[in-house]
């Protein structure tokens, strides 16, 4: 049971990290455009 819960948390963290990375790259693109 613990293993499954940890896996779920990891997946959520990965999704969050991907979202942050996407936002950062988007922000950088906008900064370069300026």
C-alpha atoms as a PDB file:
ATOM      1  CA  UNK A   1       0.000   0.000   0.000  1.00  0.00           C
ATOM      2  CA  UNK A   2       2.784   2.420   0.860  1.00  0.00           C
ATOM      3  CA  UNK A   3       4.530   1.761  -2.455  1.00  0.00           C
ATOM      4  CA  UNK A   4       1.415   2.609  -4.433  1.00  0.00           C
ATOM      5  CA  UNK A   5       0.893   5.825  -2.535  1.00  0.00           C
ATOM      6  CA  UNK A   6       4.498   6.884  -3.122  1.00  0.00           C
ATOM      7  CA  UNK A   7       4.168   6.156  -6.828  1.00  0.00           C
ATOM      8  CA  UNK A   8       1.073   8.329  -6.993  1.00  0.00           C
ATOM      9  CA  UNK A   9       2.885  11.200  -5.278  1.00  0.00           C
ATOM     10  CA  UNK A  10       5.811  10.850  -7.675  1.00  0.00           C
ATOM     11  CA  UNK A  11       3.498  11.032 -10.671  1.00  0.00           C
ATOM     12  CA  UNK A  12       1.832  14.155  -9.289  1.00  0.00           C
ATOM     13  CA  UNK A  13       5.205  15.768  -8.610  1.00  0.00           C
ATOM     14  CA  UNK A  14       6.333  14.974 -12.145  1.00  0.00           C
ATOM     15  CA  UNK A  15       3.198  16.605 -13.570  1.00  0.00           C
ATOM     16  CA  UNK A  16       3.787  19.682 -11.428  1.00  0.00           C
ATOM     17  CA  UNK A  17       7.439  19.852 -12.472  1.00  0.00           C
ATOM     18  CA  UNK A  18       6.484  19.589 -16.135  1.00  0.00           C
ATOM     19  CA  UNK A  19       3.945  22.397 -15.691  1.00  0.00           C
ATOM     20  CA  UNK A  20       6.551  24.611 -13.989  1.00  0.00           C
ATOM     21  CA  UNK A  21       9.097  23.854 -16.711  1.00  0.00           C
ATOM     22  CA  UNK A  22       6.529  24.708 -19.390  1.00  0.00           C
ATOM     23  CA  UNK A  23       5.656  27.985 -17.650  1.00  0.00           C
ATOM     24  CA  UNK A  24       9.334  28.884 -17.282  1.00  0.00           C
ATOM     25  CA  UNK A  25      10.147  28.236 -20.938  1.00  0.00           C
ATOM     26  CA  UNK A  26       7.064  30.224 -21.908  1.00  0.00           C
ATOM     27  CA  UNK A  27       8.192  33.115 -19.701  1.00  0.00           C
ATOM     28  CA  UNK A  28      11.682  33.005 -21.217  1.00  0.00           C
ATOM     29  CA  UNK A  29      10.194  33.068 -24.726  1.00  0.00           C
ATOM     30  CA  UNK A  30       8.179  36.160 -23.847  1.00  0.00           C
ATOM     31  CA  UNK A  31      11.234  37.825 -22.308  1.00  0.00           C
ATOM     32  CA  UNK A  32      13.270  37.150 -25.452  1.00  0.00           C
ATOM     33  CA  UNK A  33      10.458  38.530 -27.607  1.00  0.00           C
ATOM     34  CA  UNK A  34      10.606  41.765 -25.668  1.00  0.00           C
END
